Amino acid sequence: MASQLGKRYRCTKCGTEILCTKAGEGTPSCCGQEMELQEPRLVPSSD
């Protein structure tokens, strides 16, 4: 899996979060394991 531009990744072990600013081959890793892709946070609507 390639890293995706504009996506956030998080380390489940230490909690480090990164924002991908340049897409490329490979997957971000931290603490010897692959970082997990963060899901977008829902923002309440401003009706």
PDB file of N, CA and C in Angstrom:
ATOM      1  N   MET A   1       0.839  -1.180   0.000  1.00  0.00           N
ATOM      2  CA  MET A   1       0.000   0.000   0.000  1.00  0.00           C
ATOM      3  C   MET A   1       0.882   1.241   0.000  1.00  0.00           C
ATOM      4  N   ALA A   2       0.557   2.224  -0.785  1.00  0.00           N
ATOM      5  CA  ALA A   2       1.316   3.463  -0.864  1.00  0.00           C
ATOM      6  C   ALA A   2       0.736   4.488   0.105  1.00  0.00           C
ATOM      7  N   SER A   3       1.602   5.371   0.619  1.00  0.00           N
ATOM      8  CA  SER A   3       1.106   6.449   1.469  1.00  0.00           C
ATOM      9  C   SER A   3       0.332   7.436   0.602  1.00  0.00           C
ATOM     10  N   GLN A   4      -0.733   7.991   1.153  1.00  0.00           N
ATOM     11  CA  GLN A   4      -1.636   8.834   0.385  1.00  0.00           C
ATOM     12  C   GLN A   4      -1.535  10.295   0.826  1.00  0.00           C
ATOM     13  N   LEU A   5      -1.429  11.187  -0.130  1.00  0.00           N
ATOM     14  CA  LEU A   5      -1.324  12.615   0.114  1.00  0.00           C
ATOM     15  C   LEU A   5      -2.535  13.126   0.884  1.00  0.00           C
ATOM     16  N   GLY A   6      -2.282  13.882   1.950  1.00  0.00           N
ATOM     17  CA  GLY A   6      -3.356  14.482   2.732  1.00  0.00           C
ATOM     18  C   GLY A   6      -3.975  13.584   3.777  1.00  0.00           C
ATOM     19  N   LYS A   7      -3.509  12.346   3.903  1.00  0.00           N
ATOM     20  CA  LYS A   7      -4.071  11.416   4.879  1.00  0.00           C
ATOM     21  C   LYS A   7      -3.275  11.481   6.175  1.00  0.00           C
ATOM     22  N   ARG A   8      -3.953  11.212   7.279  1.00  0.00           N
ATOM     23  CA  ARG A   8      -3.307  11.184   8.592  1.00  0.00           C
ATOM     24  C   ARG A   8      -3.095   9.735   9.019  1.00  0.00           C
ATOM     25  N   TYR A   9      -1.938   9.483   9.618  1.00  0.00           N
ATOM     26  CA  TYR A   9      -1.589   8.158  10.104  1.00  0.00           C
ATOM     27  C   TYR A   9      -1.241   8.269  11.581  1.00  0.00           C
ATOM     28  N   ARG A  10      -1.522   7.191  12.362  1.00  0.00           N
ATOM     29  CA  ARG A  10      -1.274   7.199  13.800  1.00  0.00           C
ATOM     30  C   ARG A  10      -0.618   5.898  14.234  1.00  0.00           C
ATOM     31  N   CYS A  11       0.343   6.027  15.142  1.00  0.00           N
ATOM     32  CA  CYS A  11       1.004   4.861  15.732  1.00  0.00           C
ATOM     33  C   CYS A  11       0.152   4.383  16.903  1.00  0.00           C
ATOM     34  N   THR A  12      -0.229   3.116  16.890  1.00  0.00           N
ATOM     35  CA  THR A  12      -1.064   2.568  17.960  1.00  0.00           C
ATOM     36  C   THR A  12      -0.267   2.330  19.244  1.00  0.00           C
ATOM     37  N   LYS A  13       1.051   2.293  19.146  1.00  0.00           N
ATOM     38  CA  LYS A  13       1.883   2.015  20.312  1.00  0.00           C
ATOM     39  C   LYS A  13       2.193   3.283  21.109  1.00  0.00           C
ATOM     40  N   CYS A  14       2.664   4.346  20.432  1.00  0.00           N
ATOM     41  CA  CYS A  14       3.084   5.547  21.153  1.00  0.00           C
ATOM     42  C   CYS A  14       2.172   6.749  20.922  1.00  0.00           C
ATOM     43  N   GLY A  15       1.251   6.662  19.942  1.00  0.00           N
ATOM     44  CA  GLY A  15       0.308   7.742  19.711  1.00  0.00           C
ATOM     45  C   GLY A  15       0.777   8.835  18.768  1.00  0.00           C
ATOM     46  N   THR A  16       1.955   8.680  18.177  1.00  0.00           N
ATOM     47  CA  THR A  16       2.448   9.680  17.236  1.00  0.00           C
ATOM     48  C   THR A  16       1.530   9.749  16.029  1.00  0.00           C
ATOM     49  N   GLU A  17       1.207  10.974  15.612  1.00  0.00           N
ATOM     50  CA  GLU A  17       0.366  11.176  14.437  1.00  0.00           C
ATOM     51  C   GLU A  17       1.150  11.959  13.398  1.00  0.00           C
ATOM     52  N   ILE A  18       0.957  11.600  12.115  1.00  0.00           N
ATOM     53  CA  ILE A  18       1.620  12.317  11.025  1.00  0.00           C
ATOM     54  C   ILE A  18       0.598  12.654   9.952  1.00  0.00           C
ATOM     55  N   LEU A  19       0.900  13.688   9.182  1.00  0.00           N
ATOM     56  CA  LEU A  19       0.101  14.077   8.031  1.00  0.00           C
ATOM     57  C   LEU A  19       0.984  13.892   6.816  1.00  0.00           C
ATOM     58  N   CYS A  20       0.531  13.118   5.841  1.00  0.00           N
ATOM     59  CA  CYS A  20       1.318  12.828   4.649  1.00  0.00           C
ATOM     60  C   CYS A  20       1.283  14.043   3.718  1.00  0.00           C
ATOM     61  N   THR A  21       2.446  14.627   3.438  1.00  0.00           N
ATOM     62  CA  THR A  21       2.540  15.798   2.574  1.00  0.00           C
ATOM     63  C   THR A  21       3.093  15.461   1.203  1.00  0.00           C
ATOM     64  N   LYS A  22       3.504  14.204   1.010  1.00  0.00           N
ATOM     65  CA  LYS A  22       4.010  13.768  -0.283  1.00  0.00           C
ATOM     66  C   LYS A  22       3.691  12.287  -0.448  1.00  0.00           C
ATOM     67  N   ALA A  23       2.898  11.958  -1.462  1.00  0.00           N
ATOM     68  CA  ALA A  23       2.528  10.564  -1.701  1.00  0.00           C
ATOM     69  C   ALA A  23       3.729   9.772  -2.197  1.00  0.00           C
ATOM     70  N   GLY A  24       3.716   8.471  -1.948  1.00  0.00           N
ATOM     71  CA  GLY A  24       4.817   7.641  -2.404  1.00  0.00           C
ATOM     72  C   GLY A  24       4.597   6.182  -2.091  1.00  0.00           C
ATOM     73  N   GLU A  25       5.558   5.369  -2.504  1.00  0.00           N
ATOM     74  CA  GLU A  25       5.503   3.927  -2.251  1.00  0.00           C
ATOM     75  C   GLU A  25       5.818   3.655  -0.785  1.00  0.00           C
ATOM     76  N   GLY A  26       5.263   2.595  -0.261  1.00  0.00           N
ATOM     77  CA  GLY A  26       5.534   2.193   1.108  1.00  0.00           C
ATOM     78  C   GLY A  26       4.480   2.698   2.063  1.00  0.00           C
ATOM     79  N   THR A  27       4.590   2.287   3.314  1.00  0.00           N
ATOM     80  CA  THR A  27       3.645   2.659   4.356  1.00  0.00           C
ATOM     81  C   THR A  27       4.418   3.285   5.503  1.00  0.00           C
ATOM     82  N   PRO A  28       3.933   4.380   6.087  1.00  0.00           N
ATOM     83  CA  PRO A  28       4.614   4.977   7.238  1.00  0.00           C
ATOM     84  C   PRO A  28       4.693   3.972   8.385  1.00  0.00           C
ATOM     85  N   SER A  29       5.809   3.995   9.110  1.00  0.00           N
ATOM     86  CA  SER A  29       5.958   3.096  10.250  1.00  0.00           C
ATOM     87  C   SER A  29       6.562   3.834  11.429  1.00  0.00           C
ATOM     88  N   CYS A  30       6.276   3.318  12.625  1.00  0.00           N
ATOM     89  CA  CYS A  30       6.770   3.884  13.870  1.00  0.00           C
ATOM     90  C   CYS A  30       6.836   2.745  14.885  1.00  0.00           C
ATOM     91  N   CYS A  31       7.788   2.775  15.775  1.00  0.00           N
ATOM     92  CA  CYS A  31       7.930   1.759  16.826  1.00  0.00           C
ATOM     93  C   CYS A  31       7.991   0.347  16.243  1.00  0.00           C
ATOM     94  N   GLY A  32       8.540   0.202  15.032  1.00  0.00           N
ATOM     95  CA  GLY A  32       8.714  -1.106  14.422  1.00  0.00           C
ATOM     96  C   GLY A  32       7.458  -1.710  13.816  1.00  0.00           C
ATOM     97  N   GLN A  33       6.390  -0.926  13.667  1.00  0.00           N
ATOM     98  CA  GLN A  33       5.159  -1.438  13.077  1.00  0.00           C
ATOM     99  C   GLN A  33       4.547  -0.388  12.161  1.00  0.00           C
ATOM    100  N   GLU A  34       3.673  -0.833  11.242  1.00  0.00           N
ATOM    101  CA  GLU A  34       3.022   0.088  10.327  1.00  0.00           C
ATOM    102  C   GLU A  34       2.034   0.964  11.082  1.00  0.00           C
ATOM    103  N   MET A  35       1.933   2.228  10.676  1.00  0.00           N
ATOM    104  CA  MET A  35       0.981   3.148  11.286  1.00  0.00           C
ATOM    105  C   MET A  35      -0.392   2.925  10.653  1.00  0.00           C
ATOM    106  N   GLU A  36      -1.451   3.152  11.436  1.00  0.00           N
ATOM    107  CA  GLU A  36      -2.795   2.941  10.903  1.00  0.00           C
ATOM    108  C   GLU A  36      -3.348   4.241  10.330  1.00  0.00           C
ATOM    109  N   LEU A  37      -4.138   4.103   9.280  1.00  0.00           N
ATOM    110  CA  LEU A  37      -4.775   5.234   8.629  1.00  0.00           C
ATOM    111  C   LEU A  37      -5.915   5.738   9.503  1.00  0.00           C
ATOM    112  N   GLN A  38      -5.945   7.042   9.771  1.00  0.00           N
ATOM    113  CA  GLN A  38      -6.999   7.633  10.580  1.00  0.00           C
ATOM    114  C   GLN A  38      -8.223   7.916   9.733  1.00  0.00           C
ATOM    115  N   GLU A  39      -9.391   7.681  10.294  1.00  0.00           N
ATOM    116  CA  GLU A  39     -10.646   7.990   9.628  1.00  0.00           C
ATOM    117  C   GLU A  39     -10.944   9.474   9.833  1.00  0.00           C
ATOM    118  N   PRO A  40     -11.584  10.113   8.850  1.00  0.00           N
ATOM    119  CA  PRO A  40     -11.938  11.527   9.017  1.00  0.00           C
ATOM    120  C   PRO A  40     -12.899  11.726  10.195  1.00  0.00           C
ATOM    121  N   ARG A  41     -12.713  12.828  10.906  1.00  0.00           N
ATOM    122  CA  ARG A  41     -13.596  13.140  12.017  1.00  0.00           C
ATOM    123  C   ARG A  41     -14.847  13.826  11.471  1.00  0.00           C
ATOM    124  N   LEU A  42     -15.987  13.448  12.019  1.00  0.00           N
ATOM    125  CA  LEU A  42     -17.238  14.077  11.607  1.00  0.00           C
ATOM    126  C   LEU A  42     -17.371  15.426  12.304  1.00  0.00           C
ATOM    127  N   VAL A  43     -17.747  16.425  11.535  1.00  0.00           N
ATOM    128  CA  VAL A  43     -17.934  17.769  12.066  1.00  0.00           C
ATOM    129  C   VAL A  43     -19.437  18.037  12.095  1.00  0.00           C
ATOM    130  N   PRO A  44     -19.950  18.537  13.218  1.00  0.00           N
ATOM    131  CA  PRO A  44     -21.382  18.807  13.272  1.00  0.00           C
ATOM    132  C   PRO A  44     -21.767  19.865  12.229  1.00  0.00           C
ATOM    133  N   SER A  45     -22.929  19.689  11.653  1.00  0.00           N
ATOM    134  CA  SER A  45     -23.392  20.647  10.654  1.00  0.00           C
ATOM    135  C   SER A  45     -23.786  21.952  11.336  1.00  0.00           C
ATOM    136  N   SER A  46     -23.656  23.036  10.609  1.00  0.00           N
ATOM    137  CA  SER A  46     -24.012  24.347  11.150  1.00  0.00           C
ATOM    138  C   SER A  46     -25.271  24.848  10.466  1.00  0.00           C
ATOM    139  N   ASP A  47     -26.343  24.131  10.715  1.00  0.00           N
ATOM    140  CA  ASP A  47     -27.627  24.461  10.068  1.00  0.00           C
ATOM    141  C   ASP A  47     -28.130  25.807  10.493  1.00  0.00           C
TER     142      ASP A  47
END
